[in-house]
Each structure stands twice: as C-alpha cells, then as structure tokens.
Amino acid sequence: MQDAARPGAASRTIARLRIVRTTSSRPRRPSIEFLELTNVSATAAILALSLAAGPLCGAPKADLVLGSGSAVAPVVSMAGGFAGYRPLAIPPRSSAVIVLQP
C-alpha cells in the first residue's frame, strides 16, 4: 500500500491490513478485517490505498474504532481488493483503526 498523495516523496505514513479469522467450533462467522493507519509525520495524510486481490467481498461496512473523523468503506473489486481507496484523513502523529465487516 502506498501514499498516493505524494508520489515519489518519502512516505511517513504506514498502512497495514490485518485479517482476523474466526477459529471456533461454533458455526462459521464471517472474518473481520482491520485496517490500521499510522501517520508519524507533522502534517495530515490523505492516502489512496490499493490492494490488487484480497479477502473482501460485497459491500463492507467501515467502522472507525480508533481515531477521529468518519471512515469511508472501500468499493470492493471482483478479486476482493480495492483501488484508490481513501478511508479518511489522518491527523499528524496519530493512528486510526477501521473495522471492515460484511
């Protein structure tokens, strides 16, 4: 995932998609995806994230569980990824966690 707002510039924003799968003996529940974003720079960051293929499907709901602002859900491709996804602006020296779920 890249910071598309400043192509070629040294990025100080870290984006990571973590996938947590249910592993219980109960009936299978859908997996939950967490998008963790950390901005360590002194300026706000607006990212355009891309994931060629991934675990997402349908039209997930985006809930901001850490951070400020309103999270936007991605438009999921047939391959389970997304392109040009701008989840939210991340203030300087802060983090955000977005839960993506069906």
N, C-alpha and C. Protein backbone atom coordinates (compact mmCIF):
# COMPACT_ATOMS: atom_id res chain seq x y z
N MET A 1 0.85 -1.16 0.00
CA MET A 1 0.00 0.00 0.00
C MET A 1 0.89 1.22 0.00
N GLN A 2 0.48 2.25 -0.72
CA GLN A 2 1.33 3.40 -0.89
C GLN A 2 0.60 4.68 -0.60
N ASP A 3 1.37 5.71 -0.29
CA ASP A 3 0.85 7.05 -0.14
C ASP A 3 0.81 7.67 -1.53
N ALA A 4 -0.38 7.72 -2.13
CA ALA A 4 -0.50 8.23 -3.49
C ALA A 4 -0.66 9.74 -3.51
N ALA A 5 -0.82 10.36 -2.34
CA ALA A 5 -0.99 11.81 -2.30
C ALA A 5 0.31 12.52 -2.64
N ARG A 6 1.44 11.88 -2.38
CA ARG A 6 2.74 12.49 -2.65
C ARG A 6 3.63 11.48 -3.37
N PRO A 7 3.35 11.18 -4.64
CA PRO A 7 4.16 10.19 -5.34
C PRO A 7 5.63 10.59 -5.36
N GLY A 8 6.49 9.62 -5.12
CA GLY A 8 7.92 9.87 -5.14
C GLY A 8 8.47 10.45 -3.86
N ALA A 9 7.61 10.95 -3.00
CA ALA A 9 8.08 11.53 -1.74
C ALA A 9 8.29 10.42 -0.72
N ALA A 10 9.21 10.65 0.19
CA ALA A 10 9.43 9.68 1.27
C ALA A 10 8.19 9.68 2.16
N SER A 11 7.52 8.57 2.23
CA SER A 11 6.29 8.47 2.99
C SER A 11 6.58 8.21 4.46
N ARG A 12 5.83 8.87 5.31
CA ARG A 12 5.96 8.65 6.73
C ARG A 12 4.64 8.15 7.29
N THR A 13 3.78 7.66 6.43
CA THR A 13 2.51 7.10 6.85
C THR A 13 2.56 5.61 6.60
N ILE A 14 2.12 4.85 7.57
CA ILE A 14 2.17 3.40 7.49
C ILE A 14 0.73 2.89 7.41
N ALA A 15 0.46 2.03 6.44
CA ALA A 15 -0.87 1.42 6.32
C ALA A 15 -0.70 -0.08 6.32
N ARG A 16 -1.55 -0.76 7.08
CA ARG A 16 -1.46 -2.21 7.16
C ARG A 16 -2.87 -2.78 7.24
N LEU A 17 -3.13 -3.81 6.46
CA LEU A 17 -4.40 -4.52 6.51
C LEU A 17 -4.17 -5.81 7.25
N ARG A 18 -4.84 -5.99 8.36
CA ARG A 18 -4.70 -7.21 9.16
C ARG A 18 -6.00 -8.00 9.05
N ILE A 19 -5.88 -9.28 8.79
CA ILE A 19 -7.05 -10.13 8.66
C ILE A 19 -7.15 -11.04 9.87
N VAL A 20 -8.29 -11.02 10.52
CA VAL A 20 -8.52 -11.87 11.68
C VAL A 20 -9.63 -12.84 11.31
N ARG A 21 -9.35 -14.11 11.40
CA ARG A 21 -10.34 -15.14 11.04
C ARG A 21 -10.88 -15.82 12.29
N THR A 22 -12.16 -16.16 12.25
CA THR A 22 -12.79 -16.87 13.35
C THR A 22 -12.30 -18.31 13.37
N THR A 23 -11.85 -18.78 14.53
CA THR A 23 -11.38 -20.17 14.65
C THR A 23 -12.05 -20.81 15.86
N SER A 24 -13.36 -20.88 15.82
CA SER A 24 -14.07 -21.51 16.93
C SER A 24 -14.87 -22.70 16.41
N SER A 25 -15.36 -23.52 17.33
CA SER A 25 -16.15 -24.68 16.94
C SER A 25 -17.61 -24.30 16.65
N ARG A 26 -17.97 -23.06 16.91
CA ARG A 26 -19.32 -22.58 16.62
C ARG A 26 -19.49 -22.45 15.11
N PRO A 27 -20.74 -22.30 14.66
CA PRO A 27 -20.94 -22.10 13.21
C PRO A 27 -20.08 -20.95 12.70
N ARG A 28 -19.55 -21.13 11.52
CA ARG A 28 -18.60 -20.17 10.93
C ARG A 28 -19.18 -18.76 10.88
N ARG A 29 -18.41 -17.85 11.41
CA ARG A 29 -18.78 -16.44 11.34
C ARG A 29 -17.90 -15.79 10.29
N PRO A 30 -18.37 -14.67 9.70
CA PRO A 30 -17.52 -14.00 8.70
C PRO A 30 -16.24 -13.47 9.34
N SER A 31 -15.18 -13.40 8.56
CA SER A 31 -13.95 -12.83 9.07
C SER A 31 -14.10 -11.32 9.20
N ILE A 32 -13.27 -10.74 10.02
CA ILE A 32 -13.29 -9.30 10.23
C ILE A 32 -11.93 -8.77 9.79
N GLU A 33 -11.93 -7.72 9.00
CA GLU A 33 -10.69 -7.10 8.55
C GLU A 33 -10.49 -5.79 9.27
N PHE A 34 -9.27 -5.58 9.76
CA PHE A 34 -8.89 -4.35 10.43
C PHE A 34 -7.92 -3.60 9.52
N LEU A 35 -8.15 -2.34 9.30
CA LEU A 35 -7.22 -1.50 8.56
C LEU A 35 -6.58 -0.56 9.58
N GLU A 36 -5.28 -0.72 9.78
CA GLU A 36 -4.55 0.11 10.74
C GLU A 36 -3.75 1.15 9.97
N LEU A 37 -3.91 2.41 10.33
CA LEU A 37 -3.20 3.50 9.68
C LEU A 37 -2.47 4.32 10.73
N THR A 38 -1.20 4.62 10.50
CA THR A 38 -0.42 5.43 11.42
C THR A 38 0.29 6.52 10.64
N ASN A 39 0.12 7.75 11.06
CA ASN A 39 0.77 8.89 10.43
C ASN A 39 1.81 9.43 11.41
N VAL A 40 3.08 9.27 11.10
CA VAL A 40 4.14 9.73 12.00
C VAL A 40 4.72 11.07 11.55
N SER A 41 4.13 11.68 10.53
CA SER A 41 4.63 12.96 10.05
C SER A 41 3.98 14.12 10.80
N ALA A 42 4.45 15.33 10.52
CA ALA A 42 3.94 16.53 11.18
C ALA A 42 2.78 17.15 10.40
N THR A 43 2.37 16.52 9.29
CA THR A 43 1.26 17.03 8.50
C THR A 43 0.20 15.93 8.34
N ALA A 44 -1.02 16.36 8.08
CA ALA A 44 -2.11 15.39 7.87
C ALA A 44 -1.85 14.58 6.61
N ALA A 45 -2.34 13.35 6.59
CA ALA A 45 -2.15 12.46 5.44
C ALA A 45 -3.49 12.00 4.90
N ILE A 46 -3.63 12.08 3.58
CA ILE A 46 -4.79 11.53 2.90
C ILE A 46 -4.25 10.48 1.94
N LEU A 47 -4.51 9.24 2.24
CA LEU A 47 -3.96 8.14 1.46
C LEU A 47 -4.92 7.68 0.38
N ALA A 48 -4.36 7.15 -0.69
CA ALA A 48 -5.12 6.44 -1.71
C ALA A 48 -4.54 5.03 -1.72
N LEU A 49 -5.26 4.09 -1.11
CA LEU A 49 -4.76 2.73 -0.94
C LEU A 49 -5.26 1.81 -2.05
N SER A 50 -4.41 0.85 -2.42
CA SER A 50 -4.79 -0.14 -3.42
C SER A 50 -4.39 -1.53 -2.94
N LEU A 51 -5.22 -2.49 -3.22
CA LEU A 51 -4.98 -3.89 -2.90
C LEU A 51 -5.49 -4.69 -4.09
N ALA A 52 -4.57 -5.26 -4.89
CA ALA A 52 -4.95 -5.93 -6.14
C ALA A 52 -5.93 -7.07 -5.89
N ALA A 53 -5.65 -7.91 -4.93
CA ALA A 53 -6.53 -9.02 -4.58
C ALA A 53 -6.52 -9.17 -3.08
N GLY A 54 -7.66 -9.54 -2.52
CA GLY A 54 -7.73 -9.66 -1.07
C GLY A 54 -8.92 -10.46 -0.61
N PRO A 55 -9.20 -10.40 0.69
CA PRO A 55 -10.25 -11.22 1.28
C PRO A 55 -11.64 -10.57 1.33
N LEU A 56 -11.74 -9.34 0.87
CA LEU A 56 -13.02 -8.63 1.00
C LEU A 56 -14.03 -9.12 -0.02
N CYS A 57 -15.31 -8.95 0.30
CA CYS A 57 -16.36 -9.28 -0.65
C CYS A 57 -17.58 -8.42 -0.37
N GLY A 58 -18.39 -8.26 -1.37
CA GLY A 58 -19.62 -7.49 -1.21
C GLY A 58 -19.35 -6.02 -0.96
N ALA A 59 -20.18 -5.43 -0.12
CA ALA A 59 -20.07 -4.03 0.23
C ALA A 59 -19.87 -3.94 1.75
N PRO A 60 -18.61 -3.99 2.21
CA PRO A 60 -18.38 -3.97 3.65
C PRO A 60 -18.75 -2.64 4.29
N LYS A 61 -19.03 -2.70 5.56
CA LYS A 61 -19.30 -1.52 6.36
C LYS A 61 -17.99 -1.12 7.03
N ALA A 62 -17.70 0.18 7.10
CA ALA A 62 -16.48 0.67 7.72
C ALA A 62 -16.83 1.37 9.04
N ASP A 63 -16.28 0.87 10.13
CA ASP A 63 -16.48 1.47 11.45
C ASP A 63 -15.14 1.92 11.99
N LEU A 64 -15.02 3.20 12.33
CA LEU A 64 -13.81 3.74 12.92
C LEU A 64 -13.83 3.41 14.41
N VAL A 65 -12.88 2.59 14.87
CA VAL A 65 -12.85 2.19 16.27
C VAL A 65 -11.72 2.87 17.04
N LEU A 66 -10.80 3.51 16.33
CA LEU A 66 -9.74 4.29 16.97
C LEU A 66 -9.41 5.44 16.04
N GLY A 67 -9.38 6.64 16.57
CA GLY A 67 -9.05 7.80 15.76
C GLY A 67 -10.21 8.76 15.68
N SER A 68 -10.05 9.79 14.85
CA SER A 68 -11.10 10.79 14.73
C SER A 68 -11.52 10.93 13.27
N GLY A 69 -12.75 11.38 13.08
CA GLY A 69 -13.28 11.55 11.73
C GLY A 69 -14.29 10.47 11.40
N SER A 70 -14.61 10.39 10.13
CA SER A 70 -15.56 9.40 9.64
C SER A 70 -14.87 8.53 8.60
N ALA A 71 -14.99 7.22 8.76
CA ALA A 71 -14.37 6.29 7.82
C ALA A 71 -15.32 6.00 6.67
N VAL A 72 -14.75 5.85 5.49
CA VAL A 72 -15.50 5.50 4.29
C VAL A 72 -15.15 4.07 3.93
N ALA A 73 -16.13 3.28 3.53
CA ALA A 73 -15.88 1.89 3.13
C ALA A 73 -15.33 1.84 1.70
N PRO A 74 -14.51 0.83 1.41
CA PRO A 74 -13.98 0.70 0.05
C PRO A 74 -15.01 0.10 -0.90
N VAL A 75 -14.80 0.35 -2.19
CA VAL A 75 -15.56 -0.35 -3.22
C VAL A 75 -14.72 -1.57 -3.57
N VAL A 76 -15.27 -2.75 -3.31
CA VAL A 76 -14.52 -4.00 -3.44
C VAL A 76 -14.58 -4.52 -4.87
N SER A 77 -13.41 -4.92 -5.38
CA SER A 77 -13.32 -5.47 -6.74
C SER A 77 -13.73 -6.94 -6.74
N MET A 78 -13.84 -7.52 -7.92
CA MET A 78 -14.18 -8.94 -8.06
C MET A 78 -13.09 -9.82 -7.44
N ALA A 79 -11.86 -9.31 -7.35
CA ALA A 79 -10.74 -10.07 -6.77
C ALA A 79 -10.65 -9.89 -5.26
N GLY A 80 -11.58 -9.17 -4.66
CA GLY A 80 -11.58 -8.99 -3.21
C GLY A 80 -10.68 -7.86 -2.72
N GLY A 81 -10.19 -7.04 -3.61
CA GLY A 81 -9.34 -5.91 -3.24
C GLY A 81 -10.04 -4.59 -3.51
N PHE A 82 -9.26 -3.53 -3.69
CA PHE A 82 -9.80 -2.21 -3.97
C PHE A 82 -8.73 -1.36 -4.63
N ALA A 83 -9.13 -0.24 -5.22
CA ALA A 83 -8.19 0.68 -5.87
C ALA A 83 -8.59 2.11 -5.54
N GLY A 84 -7.61 2.95 -5.25
CA GLY A 84 -7.87 4.36 -4.97
C GLY A 84 -8.74 4.59 -3.75
N TYR A 85 -8.67 3.70 -2.78
CA TYR A 85 -9.49 3.79 -1.55
C TYR A 85 -8.93 4.85 -0.63
N ARG A 86 -9.72 5.84 -0.31
CA ARG A 86 -9.34 6.92 0.61
C ARG A 86 -10.23 6.81 1.85
N PRO A 87 -9.76 6.06 2.86
CA PRO A 87 -10.61 5.79 4.03
C PRO A 87 -10.92 7.01 4.89
N LEU A 88 -9.95 7.89 5.13
CA LEU A 88 -10.13 9.10 5.90
C LEU A 88 -8.82 9.86 5.95
N ALA A 89 -8.88 11.12 6.36
CA ALA A 89 -7.66 11.91 6.57
C ALA A 89 -7.13 11.57 7.96
N ILE A 90 -5.83 11.37 8.05
CA ILE A 90 -5.22 11.01 9.32
C ILE A 90 -4.45 12.22 9.85
N PRO A 91 -4.83 12.74 11.01
CA PRO A 91 -4.13 13.90 11.56
C PRO A 91 -2.65 13.60 11.82
N PRO A 92 -1.84 14.65 11.96
CA PRO A 92 -0.42 14.46 12.24
C PRO A 92 -0.19 13.64 13.52
N ARG A 93 0.82 12.79 13.47
CA ARG A 93 1.25 11.99 14.63
C ARG A 93 0.08 11.30 15.34
N SER A 94 -0.70 10.57 14.55
CA SER A 94 -1.84 9.85 15.14
C SER A 94 -2.08 8.56 14.38
N SER A 95 -3.00 7.76 14.91
CA SER A 95 -3.34 6.48 14.31
C SER A 95 -4.85 6.36 14.17
N ALA A 96 -5.24 5.45 13.30
CA ALA A 96 -6.66 5.14 13.13
C ALA A 96 -6.78 3.64 12.89
N VAL A 97 -7.85 3.05 13.39
CA VAL A 97 -8.17 1.66 13.12
C VAL A 97 -9.59 1.62 12.62
N ILE A 98 -9.74 1.00 11.44
CA ILE A 98 -11.05 0.87 10.81
C ILE A 98 -11.37 -0.62 10.73
N VAL A 99 -12.56 -0.98 11.17
CA VAL A 99 -13.03 -2.36 11.06
C VAL A 99 -13.90 -2.45 9.82
N LEU A 100 -13.55 -3.37 8.94
CA LEU A 100 -14.35 -3.63 7.73
C LEU A 100 -15.04 -4.97 7.92
N GLN A 101 -16.37 -4.93 7.90
CA GLN A 101 -17.12 -6.16 8.09
C GLN A 101 -18.35 -6.18 7.19
N PRO A 102 -18.82 -7.39 6.88
CA PRO A 102 -19.98 -7.51 5.98
C PRO A 102 -21.23 -6.85 6.53
